[in-house]
Amino acid sequence: MNFKHYNQNQLVLFPYSFEDLIPENHPVRIVNDILDKVNIAPLLKVYSREGNPSYHPVMMLKVMVFAYMNNIYSSRKIEKAM
């Protein structure tokens, strides 16, 4: 598949990891853990291998589920929340 690379453990100047920004009991950790276990093989079959790379569907699903959990439905508000 042709997806844009994403790395949740990417280092930044400060803090050193996004893990440092998210409290241990934050709901986003539950969303992350559950959606990492979902079988997305049927979803991957519909993605085109042509054109520019897409963002990984699991990452996009995590964003949408977390946004909806927080009653955020506007794409601009989701962007701001991220």
PDB file of N, CA and C in Angstrom:
ATOM      1  N   MET A   1       0.831  -1.188   0.000  1.00  0.00           N
ATOM      2  CA  MET A   1       0.000   0.000   0.000  1.00  0.00           C
ATOM      3  C   MET A   1       0.872   1.247   0.000  1.00  0.00           C
ATOM      4  N   ASN A   2       0.307   2.323  -0.430  1.00  0.00           N
ATOM      5  CA  ASN A   2       1.031   3.576  -0.560  1.00  0.00           C
ATOM      6  C   ASN A   2       0.469   4.598   0.436  1.00  0.00           C
ATOM      7  N   PHE A   3       0.951   4.565   1.699  1.00  0.00           N
ATOM      8  CA  PHE A   3       0.468   5.476   2.728  1.00  0.00           C
ATOM      9  C   PHE A   3       1.583   6.420   3.143  1.00  0.00           C
ATOM     10  N   LYS A   4       1.202   7.604   3.591  1.00  0.00           N
ATOM     11  CA  LYS A   4       2.178   8.509   4.180  1.00  0.00           C
ATOM     12  C   LYS A   4       2.645   7.908   5.496  1.00  0.00           C
ATOM     13  N   HIS A   5       3.915   8.051   5.768  1.00  0.00           N
ATOM     14  CA  HIS A   5       4.482   7.484   6.983  1.00  0.00           C
ATOM     15  C   HIS A   5       4.014   8.292   8.193  1.00  0.00           C
ATOM     16  N   TYR A   6       3.655   7.582   9.257  1.00  0.00           N
ATOM     17  CA  TYR A   6       3.415   8.257  10.523  1.00  0.00           C
ATOM     18  C   TYR A   6       4.011   7.427  11.638  1.00  0.00           C
ATOM     19  N   ASN A   7       4.528   8.096  12.628  1.00  0.00           N
ATOM     20  CA  ASN A   7       5.199   7.439  13.733  1.00  0.00           C
ATOM     21  C   ASN A   7       4.768   8.120  15.019  1.00  0.00           C
ATOM     22  N   GLN A   8       4.013   7.419  15.841  1.00  0.00           N
ATOM     23  CA  GLN A   8       3.538   7.988  17.088  1.00  0.00           C
ATOM     24  C   GLN A   8       4.672   8.203  18.086  1.00  0.00           C
ATOM     25  N   ASN A   9       5.779   7.566  17.882  1.00  0.00           N
ATOM     26  CA  ASN A   9       6.918   7.678  18.794  1.00  0.00           C
ATOM     27  C   ASN A   9       7.978   8.637  18.267  1.00  0.00           C
ATOM     28  N   GLN A  10       7.575   9.502  17.342  1.00  0.00           N
ATOM     29  CA  GLN A  10       8.500  10.452  16.747  1.00  0.00           C
ATOM     30  C   GLN A  10       9.044  11.403  17.805  1.00  0.00           C
ATOM     31  N   LEU A  11      10.318  11.632  17.749  1.00  0.00           N
ATOM     32  CA  LEU A  11      10.934  12.543  18.709  1.00  0.00           C
ATOM     33  C   LEU A  11      10.747  13.992  18.275  1.00  0.00           C
ATOM     34  N   VAL A  12      10.534  14.838  19.238  1.00  0.00           N
ATOM     35  CA  VAL A  12      10.439  16.276  19.006  1.00  0.00           C
ATOM     36  C   VAL A  12      11.410  16.955  19.957  1.00  0.00           C
ATOM     37  N   LEU A  13      11.626  18.256  19.797  1.00  0.00           N
ATOM     38  CA  LEU A  13      12.590  18.934  20.646  1.00  0.00           C
ATOM     39  C   LEU A  13      12.194  18.879  22.120  1.00  0.00           C
ATOM     40  N   PHE A  14      10.969  19.282  22.424  1.00  0.00           N
ATOM     41  CA  PHE A  14      10.505  19.228  23.816  1.00  0.00           C
ATOM     42  C   PHE A  14       9.013  19.086  23.833  1.00  0.00           C
ATOM     43  N   PRO A  15       8.428  18.172  24.474  1.00  0.00           N
ATOM     44  CA  PRO A  15       9.026  17.014  25.127  1.00  0.00           C
ATOM     45  C   PRO A  15       9.582  16.034  24.103  1.00  0.00           C
ATOM     46  N   TYR A  16      10.311  15.067  24.559  1.00  0.00           N
ATOM     47  CA  TYR A  16      10.988  14.151  23.655  1.00  0.00           C
ATOM     48  C   TYR A  16      10.048  13.189  22.947  1.00  0.00           C
ATOM     49  N   SER A  17       8.873  12.960  23.495  1.00  0.00           N
ATOM     50  CA  SER A  17       7.936  12.024  22.901  1.00  0.00           C
ATOM     51  C   SER A  17       6.516  12.519  23.125  1.00  0.00           C
ATOM     52  N   PHE A  18       5.613  12.187  22.184  1.00  0.00           N
ATOM     53  CA  PHE A  18       4.212  12.553  22.380  1.00  0.00           C
ATOM     54  C   PHE A  18       3.638  11.842  23.597  1.00  0.00           C
ATOM     55  N   GLU A  19       4.230  10.722  23.972  1.00  0.00           N
ATOM     56  CA  GLU A  19       3.796   9.999  25.165  1.00  0.00           C
ATOM     57  C   GLU A  19       3.881  10.885  26.402  1.00  0.00           C
ATOM     58  N   ASP A  20       4.839  11.809  26.414  1.00  0.00           N
ATOM     59  CA  ASP A  20       5.001  12.703  27.559  1.00  0.00           C
ATOM     60  C   ASP A  20       3.860  13.711  27.667  1.00  0.00           C
ATOM     61  N   LEU A  21       3.174  13.968  26.574  1.00  0.00           N
ATOM     62  CA  LEU A  21       2.088  14.938  26.562  1.00  0.00           C
ATOM     63  C   LEU A  21       0.753  14.353  27.000  1.00  0.00           C
ATOM     64  N   ILE A  22       0.614  13.033  26.938  1.00  0.00           N
ATOM     65  CA  ILE A  22      -0.670  12.385  27.175  1.00  0.00           C
ATOM     66  C   ILE A  22      -0.645  11.683  28.531  1.00  0.00           C
ATOM     67  N   PRO A  23      -1.535  12.085  29.438  1.00  0.00           N
ATOM     68  CA  PRO A  23      -1.574  11.418  30.750  1.00  0.00           C
ATOM     69  C   PRO A  23      -1.878   9.925  30.612  1.00  0.00           C
ATOM     70  N   GLU A  24      -1.433   9.139  31.578  1.00  0.00           N
ATOM     71  CA  GLU A  24      -1.599   7.688  31.546  1.00  0.00           C
ATOM     72  C   GLU A  24      -3.060   7.259  31.470  1.00  0.00           C
ATOM     73  N   ASN A  25      -3.974   8.005  32.100  1.00  0.00           N
ATOM     74  CA  ASN A  25      -5.382   7.610  32.145  1.00  0.00           C
ATOM     75  C   ASN A  25      -6.247   8.354  31.135  1.00  0.00           C
ATOM     76  N   HIS A  26      -5.641   8.946  30.124  1.00  0.00           N
ATOM     77  CA  HIS A  26      -6.391   9.709  29.122  1.00  0.00           C
ATOM     78  C   HIS A  26      -7.151   8.756  28.185  1.00  0.00           C
ATOM     79  N   PRO A  27      -8.404   9.087  27.822  1.00  0.00           N
ATOM     80  CA  PRO A  27      -9.204   8.214  26.938  1.00  0.00           C
ATOM     81  C   PRO A  27      -8.579   7.944  25.572  1.00  0.00           C
ATOM     82  N   VAL A  28      -7.717   8.823  25.095  1.00  0.00           N
ATOM     83  CA  VAL A  28      -7.099   8.608  23.787  1.00  0.00           C
ATOM     84  C   VAL A  28      -6.236   7.346  23.791  1.00  0.00           C
ATOM     85  N   ARG A  29      -5.716   6.975  24.941  1.00  0.00           N
ATOM     86  CA  ARG A  29      -4.921   5.747  25.033  1.00  0.00           C
ATOM     87  C   ARG A  29      -5.801   4.514  24.818  1.00  0.00           C
ATOM     88  N   ILE A  30      -7.038   4.564  25.298  1.00  0.00           N
ATOM     89  CA  ILE A  30      -7.971   3.449  25.098  1.00  0.00           C
ATOM     90  C   ILE A  30      -8.325   3.332  23.623  1.00  0.00           C
ATOM     91  N   VAL A  31      -8.631   4.467  22.989  1.00  0.00           N
ATOM     92  CA  VAL A  31      -8.947   4.477  21.557  1.00  0.00           C
ATOM     93  C   VAL A  31      -7.774   3.906  20.769  1.00  0.00           C
ATOM     94  N   ASN A  32      -6.579   4.337  21.098  1.00  0.00           N
ATOM     95  CA  ASN A  32      -5.382   3.870  20.410  1.00  0.00           C
ATOM     96  C   ASN A  32      -5.210   2.357  20.557  1.00  0.00           C
ATOM     97  N   ASP A  33      -5.334   1.854  21.757  1.00  0.00           N
ATOM     98  CA  ASP A  33      -5.138   0.425  21.995  1.00  0.00           C
ATOM     99  C   ASP A  33      -6.190  -0.422  21.294  1.00  0.00           C
ATOM    100  N   ILE A  34      -7.444   0.003  21.345  1.00  0.00           N
ATOM    101  CA  ILE A  34      -8.518  -0.776  20.732  1.00  0.00           C
ATOM    102  C   ILE A  34      -8.391  -0.784  19.212  1.00  0.00           C
ATOM    103  N   LEU A  35      -8.166   0.379  18.621  1.00  0.00           N
ATOM    104  CA  LEU A  35      -8.123   0.455  17.163  1.00  0.00           C
ATOM    105  C   LEU A  35      -6.862  -0.164  16.573  1.00  0.00           C
ATOM    106  N   ASP A  36      -5.813  -0.293  17.359  1.00  0.00           N
ATOM    107  CA  ASP A  36      -4.625  -1.003  16.883  1.00  0.00           C
ATOM    108  C   ASP A  36      -4.903  -2.498  16.717  1.00  0.00           C
ATOM    109  N   LYS A  37      -5.941  -3.002  17.389  1.00  0.00           N
ATOM    110  CA  LYS A  37      -6.271  -4.426  17.337  1.00  0.00           C
ATOM    111  C   LYS A  37      -7.339  -4.752  16.288  1.00  0.00           C
ATOM    112  N   VAL A  38      -7.916  -3.746  15.654  1.00  0.00           N
ATOM    113  CA  VAL A  38      -8.979  -3.961  14.678  1.00  0.00           C
ATOM    114  C   VAL A  38      -8.387  -4.463  13.361  1.00  0.00           C
ATOM    115  N   ASN A  39      -9.033  -5.446  12.764  1.00  0.00           N
ATOM    116  CA  ASN A  39      -8.611  -5.966  11.468  1.00  0.00           C
ATOM    117  C   ASN A  39      -9.130  -5.031  10.374  1.00  0.00           C
ATOM    118  N   ILE A  40      -8.220  -4.351   9.706  1.00  0.00           N
ATOM    119  CA  ILE A  40      -8.630  -3.391   8.671  1.00  0.00           C
ATOM    120  C   ILE A  40      -8.338  -3.918   7.265  1.00  0.00           C
ATOM    121  N   ALA A  41      -8.108  -5.200   7.135  1.00  0.00           N
ATOM    122  CA  ALA A  41      -7.795  -5.781   5.819  1.00  0.00           C
ATOM    123  C   ALA A  41      -8.851  -5.442   4.767  1.00  0.00           C
ATOM    124  N   PRO A  42     -10.164  -5.535   5.081  1.00  0.00           N
ATOM    125  CA  PRO A  42     -11.162  -5.164   4.066  1.00  0.00           C
ATOM    126  C   PRO A  42     -11.066  -3.690   3.651  1.00  0.00           C
ATOM    127  N   LEU A  43     -10.713  -2.842   4.604  1.00  0.00           N
ATOM    128  CA  LEU A  43     -10.568  -1.418   4.301  1.00  0.00           C
ATOM    129  C   LEU A  43      -9.365  -1.170   3.393  1.00  0.00           C
ATOM    130  N   LEU A  44      -8.289  -1.878   3.627  1.00  0.00           N
ATOM    131  CA  LEU A  44      -7.075  -1.694   2.827  1.00  0.00           C
ATOM    132  C   LEU A  44      -7.276  -2.110   1.373  1.00  0.00           C
ATOM    133  N   LYS A  45      -8.187  -3.045   1.129  1.00  0.00           N
ATOM    134  CA  LYS A  45      -8.435  -3.524  -0.229  1.00  0.00           C
ATOM    135  C   LYS A  45      -9.011  -2.439  -1.134  1.00  0.00           C
ATOM    136  N   VAL A  46      -9.711  -1.460  -0.567  1.00  0.00           N
ATOM    137  CA  VAL A  46     -10.345  -0.431  -1.392  1.00  0.00           C
ATOM    138  C   VAL A  46      -9.428   0.754  -1.675  1.00  0.00           C
ATOM    139  N   TYR A  47      -8.273   0.813  -1.037  1.00  0.00           N
ATOM    140  CA  TYR A  47      -7.344   1.915  -1.275  1.00  0.00           C
ATOM    141  C   TYR A  47      -6.621   1.723  -2.598  1.00  0.00           C
ATOM    142  N   SER A  48      -6.468   2.795  -3.325  1.00  0.00           N
ATOM    143  CA  SER A  48      -5.752   2.755  -4.597  1.00  0.00           C
ATOM    144  C   SER A  48      -4.253   2.796  -4.347  1.00  0.00           C
ATOM    145  N   ARG A  49      -3.511   2.076  -5.159  1.00  0.00           N
ATOM    146  CA  ARG A  49      -2.049   2.106  -5.065  1.00  0.00           C
ATOM    147  C   ARG A  49      -1.465   3.230  -5.919  1.00  0.00           C
ATOM    148  N   GLU A  50      -2.307   3.933  -6.639  1.00  0.00           N
ATOM    149  CA  GLU A  50      -1.858   5.013  -7.518  1.00  0.00           C
ATOM    150  C   GLU A  50      -1.997   6.360  -6.823  1.00  0.00           C
ATOM    151  N   GLY A  51      -1.317   7.343  -7.357  1.00  0.00           N
ATOM    152  CA  GLY A  51      -1.436   8.702  -6.840  1.00  0.00           C
ATOM    153  C   GLY A  51      -0.566   8.947  -5.627  1.00  0.00           C
ATOM    154  N   ASN A  52      -0.807  10.090  -4.991  1.00  0.00           N
ATOM    155  CA  ASN A  52      -0.033  10.464  -3.810  1.00  0.00           C
ATOM    156  C   ASN A  52      -0.364   9.535  -2.646  1.00  0.00           C
ATOM    157  N   PRO A  53       0.597   9.344  -1.742  1.00  0.00           N
ATOM    158  CA  PRO A  53       0.331   8.487  -0.586  1.00  0.00           C
ATOM    159  C   PRO A  53      -0.791   9.059   0.286  1.00  0.00           C
ATOM    160  N   SER A  54      -1.597   8.180   0.820  1.00  0.00           N
ATOM    161  CA  SER A  54      -2.671   8.570   1.734  1.00  0.00           C
ATOM    162  C   SER A  54      -2.158   8.478   3.164  1.00  0.00           C
ATOM    163  N   TYR A  55      -2.861   9.143   4.067  1.00  0.00           N
ATOM    164  CA  TYR A  55      -2.579   8.912   5.479  1.00  0.00           C
ATOM    165  C   TYR A  55      -3.082   7.522   5.823  1.00  0.00           C
ATOM    166  N   HIS A  56      -2.424   6.878   6.753  1.00  0.00           N
ATOM    167  CA  HIS A  56      -2.798   5.512   7.107  1.00  0.00           C
ATOM    168  C   HIS A  56      -4.223   5.497   7.657  1.00  0.00           C
ATOM    169  N   PRO A  57      -5.053   4.553   7.199  1.00  0.00           N
ATOM    170  CA  PRO A  57      -6.460   4.524   7.621  1.00  0.00           C
ATOM    171  C   PRO A  57      -6.642   4.321   9.119  1.00  0.00           C
ATOM    172  N   VAL A  58      -5.731   3.613   9.773  1.00  0.00           N
ATOM    173  CA  VAL A  58      -5.864   3.434  11.220  1.00  0.00           C
ATOM    174  C   VAL A  58      -5.668   4.772  11.928  1.00  0.00           C
ATOM    175  N   MET A  59      -4.698   5.546  11.480  1.00  0.00           N
ATOM    176  CA  MET A  59      -4.481   6.855  12.086  1.00  0.00           C
ATOM    177  C   MET A  59      -5.712   7.734  11.898  1.00  0.00           C
ATOM    178  N   MET A  60      -6.282   7.737  10.693  1.00  0.00           N
ATOM    179  CA  MET A  60      -7.460   8.558  10.422  1.00  0.00           C
ATOM    180  C   MET A  60      -8.662   8.082  11.239  1.00  0.00           C
ATOM    181  N   LEU A  61      -8.809   6.778  11.395  1.00  0.00           N
ATOM    182  CA  LEU A  61      -9.900   6.229  12.195  1.00  0.00           C
ATOM    183  C   LEU A  61      -9.754   6.635  13.655  1.00  0.00           C
ATOM    184  N   LYS A  62      -8.543   6.615  14.164  1.00  0.00           N
ATOM    185  CA  LYS A  62      -8.295   7.049  15.548  1.00  0.00           C
ATOM    186  C   LYS A  62      -8.688   8.505  15.731  1.00  0.00           C
ATOM    187  N   VAL A  63      -8.332   9.335  14.773  1.00  0.00           N
ATOM    188  CA  VAL A  63      -8.684  10.758  14.839  1.00  0.00           C
ATOM    189  C   VAL A  63     -10.198  10.931  14.861  1.00  0.00           C
ATOM    190  N   MET A  64     -10.889  10.250  13.963  1.00  0.00           N
ATOM    191  CA  MET A  64     -12.345  10.411  13.862  1.00  0.00           C
ATOM    192  C   MET A  64     -13.062   9.878  15.104  1.00  0.00           C
ATOM    193  N   VAL A  65     -12.661   8.721  15.595  1.00  0.00           N
ATOM    194  CA  VAL A  65     -13.312   8.153  16.786  1.00  0.00           C
ATOM    195  C   VAL A  65     -13.102   9.067  17.988  1.00  0.00           C
ATOM    196  N   PHE A  66     -11.882   9.535  18.170  1.00  0.00           N
ATOM    197  CA  PHE A  66     -11.632  10.407  19.311  1.00  0.00           C
ATOM    198  C   PHE A  66     -12.392  11.726  19.184  1.00  0.00           C
ATOM    199  N   ALA A  67     -12.448  12.280  17.977  1.00  0.00           N
ATOM    200  CA  ALA A  67     -13.190  13.528  17.769  1.00  0.00           C
ATOM    201  C   ALA A  67     -14.671  13.329  18.076  1.00  0.00           C
ATOM    202  N   TYR A  68     -15.247  12.250  17.579  1.00  0.00           N
ATOM    203  CA  TYR A  68     -16.665  11.984  17.825  1.00  0.00           C
ATOM    204  C   TYR A  68     -16.935  11.725  19.296  1.00  0.00           C
ATOM    205  N   MET A  69     -15.985  11.089  19.996  1.00  0.00           N
ATOM    206  CA  MET A  69     -16.139  10.883  21.439  1.00  0.00           C
ATOM    207  C   MET A  69     -16.247  12.209  22.184  1.00  0.00           C
ATOM    208  N   ASN A  70     -15.619  13.224  21.628  1.00  0.00           N
ATOM    209  CA  ASN A  70     -15.607  14.546  22.250  1.00  0.00           C
ATOM    210  C   ASN A  70     -16.603  15.499  21.603  1.00  0.00           C
ATOM    211  N   ASN A  71     -17.556  14.935  20.854  1.00  0.00           N
ATOM    212  CA  ASN A  71     -18.604  15.735  20.189  1.00  0.00           C
ATOM    213  C   ASN A  71     -18.034  16.804  19.268  1.00  0.00           C
ATOM    214  N   ILE A  72     -16.964  16.471  18.579  1.00  0.00           N
ATOM    215  CA  ILE A  72     -16.371  17.365  17.586  1.00  0.00           C
ATOM    216  C   ILE A  72     -16.667  16.770  16.224  1.00  0.00           C
ATOM    217  N   TYR A  73     -17.426  17.497  15.406  1.00  0.00           N
ATOM    218  CA  TYR A  73     -17.845  16.970  14.108  1.00  0.00           C
ATOM    219  C   TYR A  73     -17.352  17.816  12.940  1.00  0.00           C
ATOM    220  N   SER A  74     -16.962  19.038  13.187  1.00  0.00           N
ATOM    221  CA  SER A  74     -16.474  19.929  12.146  1.00  0.00           C
ATOM    222  C   SER A  74     -15.024  19.583  11.817  1.00  0.00           C
ATOM    223  N   SER A  75     -14.714  19.486  10.532  1.00  0.00           N
ATOM    224  CA  SER A  75     -13.345  19.159  10.141  1.00  0.00           C
ATOM    225  C   SER A  75     -12.362  20.218  10.616  1.00  0.00           C
ATOM    226  N   ARG A  76     -12.781  21.462  10.638  1.00  0.00           N
ATOM    227  CA  ARG A  76     -11.882  22.526  11.125  1.00  0.00           C
ATOM    228  C   ARG A  76     -11.655  22.422  12.625  1.00  0.00           C
ATOM    229  N   LYS A  77     -12.689  22.048  13.359  1.00  0.00           N
ATOM    230  CA  LYS A  77     -12.531  21.876  14.808  1.00  0.00           C
ATOM    231  C   LYS A  77     -11.698  20.633  15.124  1.00  0.00           C
ATOM    232  N   ILE A  78     -11.848  19.591  14.306  1.00  0.00           N
ATOM    233  CA  ILE A  78     -11.029  18.394  14.482  1.00  0.00           C
ATOM    234  C   ILE A  78      -9.563  18.747  14.228  1.00  0.00           C
ATOM    235  N   GLU A  79      -9.322  19.508  13.176  1.00  0.00           N
ATOM    236  CA  GLU A  79      -7.954  19.927  12.875  1.00  0.00           C
ATOM    237  C   GLU A  79      -7.362  20.723  14.037  1.00  0.00           C
ATOM    238  N   LYS A  80      -8.126  21.621  14.592  1.00  0.00           N
ATOM    239  CA  LYS A  80      -7.649  22.442  15.712  1.00  0.00           C
ATOM    240  C   LYS A  80      -7.381  21.583  16.945  1.00  0.00           C
ATOM    241  N   ALA A  81      -8.239  20.589  17.176  1.00  0.00           N
ATOM    242  CA  ALA A  81      -8.070  19.716  18.333  1.00  0.00           C
ATOM    243  C   ALA A  81      -6.821  18.846  18.207  1.00  0.00           C
ATOM    244  N   MET A  82      -6.435  18.518  16.968  1.00  0.00           N
ATOM    245  CA  MET A  82      -5.271  17.665  16.776  1.00  0.00           C
ATOM    246  C   MET A  82      -4.004  18.454  17.031  1.00  0.00           C
TER     247      MET A  82
END
